[in-house]
N, C-alpha and C. Protein backbone atom coordinates (compact mmCIF):
# COMPACT_ATOMS: atom_id res chain seq x y z
N MET A 1 -123.69 -17.09 -134.32
CA MET A 1 -124.69 -17.56 -135.27
C MET A 1 -126.06 -17.21 -134.71
N PRO A 2 -126.86 -16.52 -135.49
CA PRO A 2 -128.21 -16.18 -135.02
C PRO A 2 -129.07 -17.43 -134.84
N GLU A 3 -129.90 -17.40 -133.82
CA GLU A 3 -130.84 -18.49 -133.58
C GLU A 3 -132.04 -18.29 -134.50
N ARG A 4 -132.52 -19.35 -135.06
CA ARG A 4 -133.65 -19.30 -136.00
C ARG A 4 -134.92 -19.77 -135.33
N ASP A 5 -136.02 -19.10 -135.65
CA ASP A 5 -137.32 -19.56 -135.18
C ASP A 5 -137.55 -20.98 -135.70
N GLY A 6 -138.13 -21.81 -134.87
CA GLY A 6 -138.44 -23.17 -135.29
C GLY A 6 -137.41 -24.20 -134.89
N TRP A 7 -136.24 -23.77 -134.44
CA TRP A 7 -135.25 -24.76 -134.01
C TRP A 7 -135.79 -25.50 -132.79
N ILE A 8 -135.62 -26.79 -132.79
CA ILE A 8 -136.03 -27.63 -131.66
C ILE A 8 -134.78 -28.15 -130.98
N TYR A 9 -134.70 -27.96 -129.70
CA TYR A 9 -133.55 -28.40 -128.92
C TYR A 9 -133.91 -29.68 -128.19
N GLU A 10 -132.96 -30.59 -128.15
CA GLU A 10 -133.19 -31.81 -127.39
C GLU A 10 -132.97 -31.51 -125.92
N GLY A 11 -133.68 -32.22 -125.08
CA GLY A 11 -133.55 -31.97 -123.66
C GLY A 11 -134.50 -32.83 -122.88
N ILE A 12 -134.90 -32.33 -121.75
CA ILE A 12 -135.76 -33.07 -120.83
C ILE A 12 -137.13 -33.26 -121.47
N LEU A 13 -137.64 -34.46 -121.41
CA LEU A 13 -138.97 -34.77 -121.94
C LEU A 13 -140.00 -34.53 -120.85
N PRO A 14 -141.25 -34.26 -121.09
CA PRO A 14 -141.84 -34.22 -122.43
C PRO A 14 -141.61 -32.88 -123.09
N ARG A 15 -141.53 -32.90 -124.42
CA ARG A 15 -141.39 -31.68 -125.20
C ARG A 15 -142.75 -31.40 -125.84
N ASP A 16 -143.16 -30.17 -125.86
CA ASP A 16 -144.47 -29.87 -126.43
C ASP A 16 -144.38 -28.84 -127.56
N GLY A 17 -143.21 -28.70 -128.15
CA GLY A 17 -143.06 -27.78 -129.27
C GLY A 17 -141.89 -26.84 -129.08
N GLU A 18 -141.91 -25.75 -129.84
CA GLU A 18 -140.83 -24.78 -129.79
C GLU A 18 -140.81 -24.08 -128.43
N ALA A 19 -139.62 -23.72 -127.99
CA ALA A 19 -139.48 -23.05 -126.70
C ALA A 19 -139.10 -21.58 -126.93
N TYR A 20 -139.81 -20.69 -126.26
CA TYR A 20 -139.53 -19.26 -126.33
C TYR A 20 -139.47 -18.69 -124.92
N VAL A 21 -138.54 -17.77 -124.70
CA VAL A 21 -138.60 -16.97 -123.48
C VAL A 21 -139.69 -15.92 -123.71
N CYS A 22 -140.10 -15.23 -122.66
CA CYS A 22 -141.28 -14.36 -122.76
C CYS A 22 -141.17 -13.31 -123.85
N SER A 23 -140.04 -12.63 -123.98
CA SER A 23 -139.92 -11.59 -124.99
C SER A 23 -139.96 -12.17 -126.40
N ALA A 24 -139.30 -13.30 -126.62
CA ALA A 24 -139.32 -13.95 -127.93
C ALA A 24 -140.73 -14.44 -128.27
N TYR A 25 -141.45 -14.91 -127.28
CA TYR A 25 -142.82 -15.36 -127.51
C TYR A 25 -143.69 -14.20 -127.99
N MET A 26 -143.57 -13.04 -127.35
CA MET A 26 -144.38 -11.88 -127.75
C MET A 26 -144.01 -11.42 -129.15
N VAL A 27 -142.72 -11.46 -129.50
CA VAL A 27 -142.31 -11.09 -130.85
C VAL A 27 -142.87 -12.09 -131.85
N ALA A 28 -142.91 -13.38 -131.49
CA ALA A 28 -143.51 -14.39 -132.37
C ALA A 28 -145.00 -14.10 -132.57
N VAL A 29 -145.68 -13.65 -131.53
CA VAL A 29 -147.09 -13.28 -131.65
C VAL A 29 -147.23 -12.08 -132.59
N PHE A 30 -146.39 -11.06 -132.41
CA PHE A 30 -146.41 -9.89 -133.29
C PHE A 30 -146.15 -10.30 -134.74
N LYS A 31 -145.18 -11.21 -134.91
CA LYS A 31 -144.84 -11.70 -136.24
C LYS A 31 -146.03 -12.42 -136.86
N ALA A 32 -146.67 -13.31 -136.10
CA ALA A 32 -147.83 -14.05 -136.59
C ALA A 32 -148.99 -13.11 -136.92
N ALA A 33 -149.08 -11.99 -136.22
CA ALA A 33 -150.15 -11.01 -136.46
C ALA A 33 -149.84 -10.10 -137.64
N GLY A 34 -148.63 -10.22 -138.21
CA GLY A 34 -148.28 -9.45 -139.39
C GLY A 34 -147.66 -8.10 -139.12
N LEU A 35 -147.28 -7.80 -137.89
CA LEU A 35 -146.72 -6.49 -137.59
C LEU A 35 -145.38 -6.24 -138.27
N PHE A 36 -144.66 -7.29 -138.61
CA PHE A 36 -143.36 -7.13 -139.27
C PHE A 36 -143.50 -7.16 -140.80
N GLY A 37 -144.71 -7.32 -141.29
CA GLY A 37 -144.92 -7.38 -142.73
C GLY A 37 -144.12 -8.51 -143.36
N ASP A 38 -143.41 -8.20 -144.43
CA ASP A 38 -142.61 -9.20 -145.14
C ASP A 38 -141.17 -9.26 -144.66
N LEU A 39 -140.84 -8.55 -143.60
CA LEU A 39 -139.45 -8.55 -143.11
C LEU A 39 -139.07 -9.92 -142.56
N GLU A 40 -137.83 -10.32 -142.81
CA GLU A 40 -137.29 -11.55 -142.26
C GLU A 40 -136.74 -11.23 -140.88
N VAL A 41 -137.43 -11.67 -139.84
CA VAL A 41 -136.96 -11.51 -138.47
C VAL A 41 -137.17 -12.83 -137.74
N HIS A 42 -136.35 -13.06 -136.75
CA HIS A 42 -136.46 -14.27 -135.94
C HIS A 42 -136.72 -13.85 -134.50
N ALA A 43 -137.88 -14.24 -134.00
CA ALA A 43 -138.30 -13.84 -132.66
C ALA A 43 -137.30 -14.25 -131.59
N THR A 44 -136.63 -15.37 -131.81
CA THR A 44 -135.69 -15.89 -130.81
C THR A 44 -134.46 -15.00 -130.64
N GLU A 45 -134.28 -14.02 -131.49
CA GLU A 45 -133.15 -13.10 -131.37
C GLU A 45 -133.51 -11.84 -130.58
N PHE A 46 -134.74 -11.74 -130.08
CA PHE A 46 -135.19 -10.54 -129.37
C PHE A 46 -135.09 -10.71 -127.86
N THR A 47 -134.56 -9.68 -127.22
CA THR A 47 -134.50 -9.62 -125.76
C THR A 47 -135.66 -8.75 -125.28
N PRO A 48 -135.91 -8.68 -123.99
CA PRO A 48 -136.95 -7.75 -123.51
C PRO A 48 -136.71 -6.32 -123.99
N ARG A 49 -135.47 -5.88 -123.98
CA ARG A 49 -135.16 -4.52 -124.44
C ARG A 49 -135.53 -4.35 -125.91
N ASP A 50 -135.17 -5.32 -126.74
CA ASP A 50 -135.51 -5.24 -128.16
C ASP A 50 -137.02 -5.16 -128.36
N LEU A 51 -137.75 -5.87 -127.53
CA LEU A 51 -139.22 -5.88 -127.62
C LEU A 51 -139.79 -4.51 -127.29
N TYR A 52 -139.42 -3.93 -126.15
CA TYR A 52 -140.04 -2.65 -125.77
C TYR A 52 -139.55 -1.49 -126.62
N GLU A 53 -138.43 -1.66 -127.33
CA GLU A 53 -137.95 -0.59 -128.20
C GLU A 53 -138.67 -0.56 -129.54
N LEU A 54 -139.40 -1.61 -129.91
CA LEU A 54 -140.14 -1.62 -131.17
C LEU A 54 -141.14 -0.48 -131.21
N ASN A 55 -141.34 0.11 -132.38
CA ASN A 55 -142.26 1.24 -132.48
C ASN A 55 -143.70 0.80 -132.69
N PHE A 56 -144.06 -0.35 -132.16
CA PHE A 56 -145.42 -0.88 -132.27
C PHE A 56 -146.35 -0.32 -131.20
N PHE A 57 -145.82 0.38 -130.24
CA PHE A 57 -146.60 0.83 -129.09
C PHE A 57 -147.02 2.29 -129.25
N ASP A 58 -148.18 2.62 -128.75
CA ASP A 58 -148.70 3.99 -128.79
C ASP A 58 -148.06 4.76 -127.64
N LYS A 59 -147.10 5.61 -127.96
CA LYS A 59 -146.39 6.36 -126.92
C LYS A 59 -147.23 7.48 -126.31
N HIS A 60 -148.39 7.75 -126.90
CA HIS A 60 -149.27 8.79 -126.37
C HIS A 60 -150.44 8.21 -125.59
N PHE A 61 -150.45 6.89 -125.42
CA PHE A 61 -151.53 6.22 -124.68
C PHE A 61 -151.52 6.66 -123.22
N ARG A 62 -152.68 6.92 -122.69
CA ARG A 62 -152.84 7.21 -121.26
C ARG A 62 -153.99 6.36 -120.76
N SER A 63 -153.69 5.53 -119.81
CA SER A 63 -154.70 4.61 -119.29
C SER A 63 -155.76 5.35 -118.50
N SER A 64 -156.99 4.87 -118.61
CA SER A 64 -158.07 5.42 -117.79
C SER A 64 -158.17 4.67 -116.46
N ASN A 65 -157.34 3.65 -116.29
CA ASN A 65 -157.31 2.89 -115.05
C ASN A 65 -156.85 3.79 -113.91
N LYS A 66 -157.63 3.85 -112.84
CA LYS A 66 -157.31 4.75 -111.72
C LYS A 66 -155.98 4.39 -111.05
N ASP A 67 -155.66 3.08 -110.96
CA ASP A 67 -154.39 2.69 -110.37
C ASP A 67 -153.21 3.16 -111.22
N CYS A 68 -153.35 3.08 -112.54
CA CYS A 68 -152.30 3.56 -113.43
C CYS A 68 -152.09 5.06 -113.25
N GLN A 69 -153.17 5.79 -113.18
CA GLN A 69 -153.08 7.24 -113.01
C GLN A 69 -152.46 7.59 -111.67
N ARG A 70 -152.76 6.79 -110.67
CA ARG A 70 -152.24 7.07 -109.32
C ARG A 70 -150.77 6.71 -109.18
N TYR A 71 -150.39 5.51 -109.64
CA TYR A 71 -149.03 5.01 -109.41
C TYR A 71 -148.05 5.34 -110.53
N ASP A 72 -148.54 5.55 -111.74
CA ASP A 72 -147.66 5.79 -112.87
C ASP A 72 -148.19 6.92 -113.75
N PRO A 73 -148.40 8.09 -113.19
CA PRO A 73 -148.98 9.17 -113.98
C PRO A 73 -148.05 9.60 -115.12
N GLY A 74 -148.65 9.88 -116.26
CA GLY A 74 -147.88 10.41 -117.38
C GLY A 74 -147.10 9.39 -118.18
N GLN A 75 -147.20 8.13 -117.83
CA GLN A 75 -146.45 7.11 -118.56
C GLN A 75 -147.32 6.47 -119.63
N PRO A 76 -146.72 6.04 -120.76
CA PRO A 76 -147.50 5.36 -121.80
C PRO A 76 -147.66 3.86 -121.51
N TYR A 77 -147.29 3.46 -120.34
CA TYR A 77 -147.47 2.08 -119.89
C TYR A 77 -147.87 2.13 -118.42
N CYS A 78 -148.30 1.01 -117.88
CA CYS A 78 -148.83 1.01 -116.52
C CYS A 78 -148.10 0.01 -115.64
N GLN A 79 -147.55 0.47 -114.56
CA GLN A 79 -146.95 -0.40 -113.55
C GLN A 79 -147.67 -0.12 -112.24
N ILE A 80 -148.42 -1.09 -111.75
CA ILE A 80 -149.21 -0.84 -110.55
C ILE A 80 -148.67 -1.56 -109.32
N MET A 81 -147.61 -2.34 -109.49
CA MET A 81 -147.05 -3.01 -108.32
C MET A 81 -145.56 -3.23 -108.51
N GLY A 82 -144.91 -3.58 -107.43
CA GLY A 82 -143.48 -3.85 -107.47
C GLY A 82 -142.72 -2.87 -106.60
N LYS A 83 -141.64 -3.35 -106.06
CA LYS A 83 -140.82 -2.54 -105.16
C LYS A 83 -140.05 -1.46 -105.92
N TYR A 84 -139.68 -1.77 -107.16
CA TYR A 84 -138.87 -0.85 -107.95
C TYR A 84 -139.65 -0.37 -109.17
N LYS A 85 -139.47 0.89 -109.53
CA LYS A 85 -140.13 1.44 -110.71
C LYS A 85 -139.35 1.04 -111.96
N MET A 86 -140.06 0.50 -112.92
CA MET A 86 -139.45 0.09 -114.17
C MET A 86 -139.30 1.31 -115.08
N GLU A 87 -138.18 1.38 -115.75
CA GLU A 87 -137.95 2.42 -116.74
C GLU A 87 -137.59 1.75 -118.04
N PHE A 88 -138.04 2.33 -119.14
CA PHE A 88 -137.84 1.74 -120.46
C PHE A 88 -137.25 2.78 -121.41
N PRO A 89 -135.93 2.98 -121.34
CA PRO A 89 -135.33 3.95 -122.25
C PRO A 89 -135.55 3.53 -123.70
N ARG A 90 -135.79 4.49 -124.56
CA ARG A 90 -136.02 4.25 -126.00
C ARG A 90 -137.30 3.45 -126.25
N TYR A 91 -138.27 3.55 -125.35
CA TYR A 91 -139.55 2.87 -125.50
C TYR A 91 -140.19 3.27 -126.82
N GLY A 92 -140.52 2.30 -127.65
CA GLY A 92 -141.21 2.55 -128.90
C GLY A 92 -140.42 3.35 -129.92
N ALA A 93 -139.08 3.29 -129.88
CA ALA A 93 -138.26 4.17 -130.72
C ALA A 93 -137.66 3.51 -131.96
N VAL A 94 -137.74 2.19 -132.10
CA VAL A 94 -137.03 1.52 -133.18
C VAL A 94 -138.01 0.91 -134.18
N SER A 95 -137.84 1.28 -135.45
CA SER A 95 -138.63 0.68 -136.52
C SER A 95 -138.03 -0.68 -136.87
N PRO A 96 -138.87 -1.67 -137.11
CA PRO A 96 -138.33 -3.00 -137.45
C PRO A 96 -137.60 -2.96 -138.79
N TYR A 97 -136.60 -3.81 -138.93
CA TYR A 97 -135.82 -3.89 -140.16
C TYR A 97 -135.42 -5.35 -140.41
N GLU A 98 -135.02 -5.62 -141.61
CA GLU A 98 -134.66 -6.97 -142.04
C GLU A 98 -133.56 -7.55 -141.16
N ASN A 99 -133.75 -8.80 -140.73
CA ASN A 99 -132.75 -9.53 -139.91
C ASN A 99 -132.40 -8.78 -138.62
N MET A 100 -133.39 -8.16 -138.05
CA MET A 100 -133.23 -7.35 -136.85
C MET A 100 -132.59 -8.16 -135.72
N ASN A 101 -131.63 -7.56 -135.04
CA ASN A 101 -130.95 -8.11 -133.85
C ASN A 101 -130.10 -9.35 -134.14
N GLU A 102 -129.71 -9.57 -135.38
CA GLU A 102 -128.93 -10.76 -135.70
C GLU A 102 -127.43 -10.52 -135.79
N VAL A 103 -126.98 -9.27 -135.79
CA VAL A 103 -125.55 -9.02 -135.97
C VAL A 103 -124.91 -8.28 -134.80
N CYS A 104 -125.67 -7.95 -133.79
CA CYS A 104 -125.13 -7.20 -132.66
C CYS A 104 -125.27 -8.02 -131.38
N PRO A 105 -124.22 -8.74 -131.02
CA PRO A 105 -124.32 -9.54 -129.79
C PRO A 105 -124.39 -8.65 -128.57
N MET A 106 -125.02 -9.18 -127.54
CA MET A 106 -125.06 -8.49 -126.26
C MET A 106 -124.16 -9.28 -125.32
N ILE A 107 -123.39 -8.58 -124.54
CA ILE A 107 -122.35 -9.20 -123.72
C ILE A 107 -122.78 -9.23 -122.27
N SER A 108 -122.77 -10.44 -121.69
CA SER A 108 -123.13 -10.59 -120.28
C SER A 108 -121.98 -10.09 -119.41
N PRO A 109 -122.18 -9.78 -118.16
CA PRO A 109 -123.40 -9.96 -117.39
C PRO A 109 -124.36 -8.78 -117.50
N LEU A 110 -123.95 -7.66 -118.08
CA LEU A 110 -124.82 -6.48 -118.17
C LEU A 110 -125.62 -6.46 -119.46
N TYR A 111 -125.31 -7.35 -120.39
CA TYR A 111 -125.99 -7.46 -121.68
C TYR A 111 -126.00 -6.12 -122.41
N GLU A 112 -124.82 -5.53 -122.47
CA GLU A 112 -124.67 -4.27 -123.20
C GLU A 112 -124.34 -4.57 -124.65
N ARG A 113 -124.81 -3.73 -125.53
CA ARG A 113 -124.52 -3.89 -126.96
C ARG A 113 -123.16 -3.28 -127.27
N GLN A 114 -122.54 -3.84 -128.29
CA GLN A 114 -121.28 -3.26 -128.76
C GLN A 114 -121.54 -1.88 -129.35
N HIS A 115 -120.52 -1.06 -129.41
CA HIS A 115 -120.62 0.28 -129.97
C HIS A 115 -121.15 0.20 -131.41
N ASN A 116 -122.00 1.12 -131.79
CA ASN A 116 -122.60 1.22 -133.12
C ASN A 116 -123.62 0.13 -133.43
N CYS A 117 -124.14 -0.54 -132.46
CA CYS A 117 -125.19 -1.52 -132.68
C CYS A 117 -126.53 -0.95 -132.27
């Protein structure tokens, strides 16, 4: 069953409103900003992968930040620290669609999608 935006879960008090993990929070911000238009989507169904795959990002962006140019040349995003280099396959490749990410479960522990999803 897909999780719906706005669901409130009971738990440890105090509660201060709806709870989102970081990727779902950013999708909720995009949704509030109108990036999804009239599409019915629920931010709580988005994983970090689903977020970075959205075609909302400028894939031709090149930062003028000297650290970005030094540590991450040629990338449309900037990683200036960390022991491991982050890679984002299919970055900016998916156009949003109605009820996005509601029918393709991801299976732990690797969180891989089923075939044809």
